[in-house]
């Protein structure tokens, strides 16, 4: 079993609240718009990090992290990308591939809108953790945490970090 902390859109912001939740996880996943490598360097001091770059991320982050990160965690096929849309409105960049070979868990960032949806057509779970940073139109900073136990995603929690 793995305990996952999922965040996105930090835009260069990392605080003690984020780090305290990170310490309780087995892995930290970041869905892009990291802001600076300082963010991921600090997170890596706490737990292993899997991430993708977002549209605001510069060359240094793009060298370290891919646009798409697809991997197996326990028995779950996971795909993380920053701009991927959501069920019924997938981004043109991923639409054909996701239909041809859907993962079990599809994670995006970018919108700053926390959203968890089941895609019944493709039999996948979509997660967007909202934004953990302070830049953007969102009012409340959010993250998600959950467990992956063999081939089951369970114990999903929304973490509200307060107003930006």
C-alpha atoms as a PDB file:
ATOM      1  CA  UNK A   1       0.000   0.000   0.000  1.00  0.00           C
ATOM      2  CA  UNK A   2       1.170   3.535  -0.820  1.00  0.00           C
ATOM      3  CA  UNK A   3      -0.020   6.795   0.685  1.00  0.00           C
ATOM      4  CA  UNK A   4       0.008   9.538  -1.957  1.00  0.00           C
ATOM      5  CA  UNK A   5      -0.022  13.320  -1.558  1.00  0.00           C
ATOM      6  CA  UNK A   6      -1.174  14.956  -4.804  1.00  0.00           C
ATOM      7  CA  UNK A   7      -0.643  18.636  -5.439  1.00  0.00           C
ATOM      8  CA  UNK A   8      -0.435  21.009  -8.364  1.00  0.00           C
ATOM      9  CA  UNK A   9       0.010  24.638  -9.301  1.00  0.00           C
ATOM     10  CA  UNK A  10       2.313  25.641  -6.452  1.00  0.00           C
ATOM     11  CA  UNK A  11       3.703  28.458  -8.646  1.00  0.00           C
ATOM     12  CA  UNK A  12       6.825  28.659  -6.478  1.00  0.00           C
ATOM     13  CA  UNK A  13       5.003  28.506  -3.131  1.00  0.00           C
ATOM     14  CA  UNK A  14       5.753  25.883  -0.483  1.00  0.00           C
ATOM     15  CA  UNK A  15       4.864  26.238   3.181  1.00  0.00           C
ATOM     16  CA  UNK A  16       5.012  24.228   6.402  1.00  0.00           C
ATOM     17  CA  UNK A  17       1.436  22.967   6.016  1.00  0.00           C
ATOM     18  CA  UNK A  18       2.257  21.363   2.670  1.00  0.00           C
ATOM     19  CA  UNK A  19       5.440  19.880   4.117  1.00  0.00           C
ATOM     20  CA  UNK A  20       3.624  18.464   7.148  1.00  0.00           C
ATOM     21  CA  UNK A  21       1.231  16.551   4.879  1.00  0.00           C
ATOM     22  CA  UNK A  22       4.175  15.490   2.689  1.00  0.00           C
ATOM     23  CA  UNK A  23       5.860  13.852   5.685  1.00  0.00           C
ATOM     24  CA  UNK A  24       2.823  11.584   6.153  1.00  0.00           C
ATOM     25  CA  UNK A  25       2.893  10.356   2.535  1.00  0.00           C
ATOM     26  CA  UNK A  26       4.935   7.598   0.932  1.00  0.00           C
ATOM     27  CA  UNK A  27       5.170   9.526  -2.362  1.00  0.00           C
ATOM     28  CA  UNK A  28       4.440  13.089  -3.458  1.00  0.00           C
ATOM     29  CA  UNK A  29       2.966  13.646  -6.924  1.00  0.00           C
ATOM     30  CA  UNK A  30       2.979  17.126  -8.502  1.00  0.00           C
ATOM     31  CA  UNK A  31       0.806  17.830 -11.550  1.00  0.00           C
ATOM     32  CA  UNK A  32       2.760  20.801 -12.883  1.00  0.00           C
ATOM     33  CA  UNK A  33       3.188  24.559 -12.641  1.00  0.00           C
ATOM     34  CA  UNK A  34       5.826  23.898 -10.022  1.00  0.00           C
ATOM     35  CA  UNK A  35       7.386  27.350 -10.349  1.00  0.00           C
ATOM     36  CA  UNK A  36      10.983  26.655  -9.329  1.00  0.00           C
ATOM     37  CA  UNK A  37      13.127  23.591  -8.733  1.00  0.00           C
ATOM     38  CA  UNK A  38      13.451  24.764  -5.124  1.00  0.00           C
ATOM     39  CA  UNK A  39       9.922  23.406  -4.599  1.00  0.00           C
ATOM     40  CA  UNK A  40      10.695  19.903  -5.813  1.00  0.00           C
ATOM     41  CA  UNK A  41      14.137  19.924  -4.179  1.00  0.00           C
ATOM     42  CA  UNK A  42      12.520  20.639  -0.801  1.00  0.00           C
ATOM     43  CA  UNK A  43       9.811  18.012  -1.359  1.00  0.00           C
ATOM     44  CA  UNK A  44      12.446  15.426  -2.333  1.00  0.00           C
ATOM     45  CA  UNK A  45      14.121  15.963   1.050  1.00  0.00           C
ATOM     46  CA  UNK A  46      10.897  14.675   2.621  1.00  0.00           C
ATOM     47  CA  UNK A  47       9.689  11.883   0.278  1.00  0.00           C
ATOM     48  CA  UNK A  48      10.112  10.624  -3.320  1.00  0.00           C
ATOM     49  CA  UNK A  49       8.574  12.973  -5.901  1.00  0.00           C
ATOM     50  CA  UNK A  50       6.951  12.222  -9.250  1.00  0.00           C
ATOM     51  CA  UNK A  51       6.073  15.302 -11.288  1.00  0.00           C
ATOM     52  CA  UNK A  52       5.389  16.829 -14.692  1.00  0.00           C
ATOM     53  CA  UNK A  53       6.139  20.303 -15.939  1.00  0.00           C
ATOM     54  CA  UNK A  54       3.379  22.830 -16.474  1.00  0.00           C
ATOM     55  CA  UNK A  55       2.894  25.712 -18.866  1.00  0.00           C
ATOM     56  CA  UNK A  56       4.579  28.268 -16.550  1.00  0.00           C
ATOM     57  CA  UNK A  57       7.604  26.084 -15.831  1.00  0.00           C
ATOM     58  CA  UNK A  58      10.939  27.070 -17.327  1.00  0.00           C
ATOM     59  CA  UNK A  59      13.795  25.138 -18.893  1.00  0.00           C
ATOM     60  CA  UNK A  60      15.294  23.906 -15.619  1.00  0.00           C
ATOM     61  CA  UNK A  61      12.082  22.175 -14.552  1.00  0.00           C
ATOM     62  CA  UNK A  62      11.414  20.919 -18.086  1.00  0.00           C
ATOM     63  CA  UNK A  63      14.841  19.243 -18.102  1.00  0.00           C
ATOM     64  CA  UNK A  64      14.058  17.414 -14.875  1.00  0.00           C
ATOM     65  CA  UNK A  65      10.402  16.467 -15.386  1.00  0.00           C
ATOM     66  CA  UNK A  66       8.450  15.254 -18.440  1.00  0.00           C
ATOM     67  CA  UNK A  67       5.274  16.629 -20.016  1.00  0.00           C
ATOM     68  CA  UNK A  68       3.565  13.286 -19.358  1.00  0.00           C
ATOM     69  CA  UNK A  69       4.468  10.848 -16.606  1.00  0.00           C
ATOM     70  CA  UNK A  70       2.885   7.423 -16.980  1.00  0.00           C
ATOM     71  CA  UNK A  71       3.819   4.705 -14.514  1.00  0.00           C
ATOM     72  CA  UNK A  72       2.497   1.829 -12.422  1.00  0.00           C
ATOM     73  CA  UNK A  73       1.922   2.328  -8.707  1.00  0.00           C
ATOM     74  CA  UNK A  74       1.036  -0.880  -6.934  1.00  0.00           C
ATOM     75  CA  UNK A  75      -1.517  -2.306  -9.419  1.00  0.00           C
ATOM     76  CA  UNK A  76      -2.692   1.040 -10.811  1.00  0.00           C
ATOM     77  CA  UNK A  77      -1.773   2.491 -14.225  1.00  0.00           C
ATOM     78  CA  UNK A  78      -1.278   6.231 -13.531  1.00  0.00           C
ATOM     79  CA  UNK A  79      -0.930   9.064 -16.054  1.00  0.00           C
ATOM     80  CA  UNK A  80      -0.051  12.574 -14.857  1.00  0.00           C
ATOM     81  CA  UNK A  81      -0.035  15.561 -17.210  1.00  0.00           C
ATOM     82  CA  UNK A  82      -0.555  19.254 -16.516  1.00  0.00           C
ATOM     83  CA  UNK A  83      -3.097  20.175 -19.206  1.00  0.00           C
ATOM     84  CA  UNK A  84      -5.251  17.145 -19.894  1.00  0.00           C
ATOM     85  CA  UNK A  85      -8.838  18.224 -19.421  1.00  0.00           C
ATOM     86  CA  UNK A  86     -11.343  15.944 -17.734  1.00  0.00           C
ATOM     87  CA  UNK A  87     -13.969  13.341 -18.682  1.00  0.00           C
ATOM     88  CA  UNK A  88     -16.036  14.602 -21.588  1.00  0.00           C
ATOM     89  CA  UNK A  89     -13.574  17.460 -22.234  1.00  0.00           C
ATOM     90  CA  UNK A  90     -10.128  15.932 -22.657  1.00  0.00           C
ATOM     91  CA  UNK A  91      -7.416  18.136 -24.119  1.00  0.00           C
ATOM     92  CA  UNK A  92      -6.695  17.568 -27.830  1.00  0.00           C
ATOM     93  CA  UNK A  93      -3.081  16.746 -26.840  1.00  0.00           C
ATOM     94  CA  UNK A  94      -4.191  13.604 -24.947  1.00  0.00           C
ATOM     95  CA  UNK A  95      -7.634  12.797 -26.334  1.00  0.00           C
ATOM     96  CA  UNK A  96      -6.707  10.110 -28.853  1.00  0.00           C
ATOM     97  CA  UNK A  97      -4.130   8.386 -26.651  1.00  0.00           C
ATOM     98  CA  UNK A  98      -6.387   8.326 -23.605  1.00  0.00           C
ATOM     99  CA  UNK A  99      -9.181   6.754 -25.648  1.00  0.00           C
ATOM    100  CA  UNK A 100      -6.841   4.193 -27.221  1.00  0.00           C
ATOM    101  CA  UNK A 101      -5.100   3.222 -23.966  1.00  0.00           C
ATOM    102  CA  UNK A 102      -6.837   4.645 -20.893  1.00  0.00           C
ATOM    103  CA  UNK A 103      -5.015   4.572 -17.561  1.00  0.00           C
ATOM    104  CA  UNK A 104      -6.853   3.619 -14.371  1.00  0.00           C
ATOM    105  CA  UNK A 105      -5.985   7.019 -12.812  1.00  0.00           C
ATOM    106  CA  UNK A 106      -5.663  10.192 -14.912  1.00  0.00           C
ATOM    107  CA  UNK A 107      -4.274  13.229 -13.054  1.00  0.00           C
ATOM    108  CA  UNK A 108      -4.166  16.817 -14.292  1.00  0.00           C
ATOM    109  CA  UNK A 109      -3.550  20.293 -12.916  1.00  0.00           C
ATOM    110  CA  UNK A 110      -3.749  23.681 -14.659  1.00  0.00           C
ATOM    111  CA  UNK A 111      -7.370  24.694 -13.981  1.00  0.00           C
ATOM    112  CA  UNK A 112      -6.872  25.464 -10.250  1.00  0.00           C
ATOM    113  CA  UNK A 113     -10.256  23.727  -9.803  1.00  0.00           C
ATOM    114  CA  UNK A 114     -10.334  20.697  -7.531  1.00  0.00           C
ATOM    115  CA  UNK A 115     -12.191  17.954  -9.360  1.00  0.00           C
ATOM    116  CA  UNK A 116     -12.516  14.185  -8.943  1.00  0.00           C
ATOM    117  CA  UNK A 117     -14.635  12.418 -11.554  1.00  0.00           C
ATOM    118  CA  UNK A 118     -15.191   8.889 -12.772  1.00  0.00           C
ATOM    119  CA  UNK A 119     -15.130   8.423 -16.553  1.00  0.00           C
ATOM    120  CA  UNK A 120     -17.578   5.575 -17.048  1.00  0.00           C
ATOM    121  CA  UNK A 121     -16.848   5.279 -20.788  1.00  0.00           C
ATOM    122  CA  UNK A 122     -13.117   4.763 -20.282  1.00  0.00           C
ATOM    123  CA  UNK A 123     -13.368   3.221 -16.805  1.00  0.00           C
ATOM    124  CA  UNK A 124     -10.871   5.625 -15.265  1.00  0.00           C
ATOM    125  CA  UNK A 125     -10.751   7.984 -12.319  1.00  0.00           C
ATOM    126  CA  UNK A 126      -9.794  11.593 -13.024  1.00  0.00           C
ATOM    127  CA  UNK A 127      -8.234  13.762 -10.309  1.00  0.00           C
ATOM    128  CA  UNK A 128      -7.260  17.414 -10.290  1.00  0.00           C
ATOM    129  CA  UNK A 129      -6.040  18.534  -6.857  1.00  0.00           C
ATOM    130  CA  UNK A 130      -6.749  22.218  -7.468  1.00  0.00           C
ATOM    131  CA  UNK A 131      -3.969  24.667  -6.613  1.00  0.00           C
ATOM    132  CA  UNK A 132      -1.680  24.539  -3.567  1.00  0.00           C
ATOM    133  CA  UNK A 133      -0.008  27.836  -4.424  1.00  0.00           C
ATOM    134  CA  UNK A 134      -1.069  31.440  -3.963  1.00  0.00           C
ATOM    135  CA  UNK A 135      -1.211  32.612  -7.587  1.00  0.00           C
ATOM    136  CA  UNK A 136      -4.359  32.323  -9.676  1.00  0.00           C
ATOM    137  CA  UNK A 137      -8.083  32.883  -9.383  1.00  0.00           C
ATOM    138  CA  UNK A 138      -8.804  30.142  -6.819  1.00  0.00           C
ATOM    139  CA  UNK A 139      -9.846  31.260  -3.338  1.00  0.00           C
ATOM    140  CA  UNK A 140      -8.900  28.206  -1.266  1.00  0.00           C
ATOM    141  CA  UNK A 141      -5.597  26.329  -1.675  1.00  0.00           C
ATOM    142  CA  UNK A 142      -6.170  22.577  -1.983  1.00  0.00           C
ATOM    143  CA  UNK A 143      -4.437  19.211  -2.335  1.00  0.00           C
ATOM    144  CA  UNK A 144      -5.581  15.580  -2.333  1.00  0.00           C
ATOM    145  CA  UNK A 145      -4.343  12.555  -0.487  1.00  0.00           C
ATOM    146  CA  UNK A 146      -5.313   8.942  -0.981  1.00  0.00           C
ATOM    147  CA  UNK A 147      -4.058   5.396  -0.747  1.00  0.00           C
ATOM    148  CA  UNK A 148      -3.314   2.903  -3.476  1.00  0.00           C
ATOM    149  CA  UNK A 149      -3.703  -0.623  -2.195  1.00  0.00           C
ATOM    150  CA  UNK A 150      -2.916  -3.201  -4.862  1.00  0.00           C
ATOM    151  CA  UNK A 151      -5.424  -2.280  -7.577  1.00  0.00           C
ATOM    152  CA  UNK A 152      -7.672  -0.112  -5.409  1.00  0.00           C
ATOM    153  CA  UNK A 153      -7.703   3.671  -4.942  1.00  0.00           C
ATOM    154  CA  UNK A 154      -9.176   4.422  -1.532  1.00  0.00           C
ATOM    155  CA  UNK A 155      -9.436   6.803   1.401  1.00  0.00           C
ATOM    156  CA  UNK A 156      -9.485   9.917  -0.800  1.00  0.00           C
ATOM    157  CA  UNK A 157      -9.318  13.144   1.218  1.00  0.00           C
ATOM    158  CA  UNK A 158      -9.525  16.784   0.192  1.00  0.00           C
ATOM    159  CA  UNK A 159      -7.021  18.934   2.074  1.00  0.00           C
ATOM    160  CA  UNK A 160      -7.857  22.612   2.360  1.00  0.00           C
ATOM    161  CA  UNK A 161      -4.784  24.710   3.066  1.00  0.00           C
ATOM    162  CA  UNK A 162      -6.718  27.918   3.685  1.00  0.00           C
ATOM    163  CA  UNK A 163      -7.178  31.098   1.726  1.00  0.00           C
ATOM    164  CA  UNK A 164      -4.442  32.167  -0.599  1.00  0.00           C
END
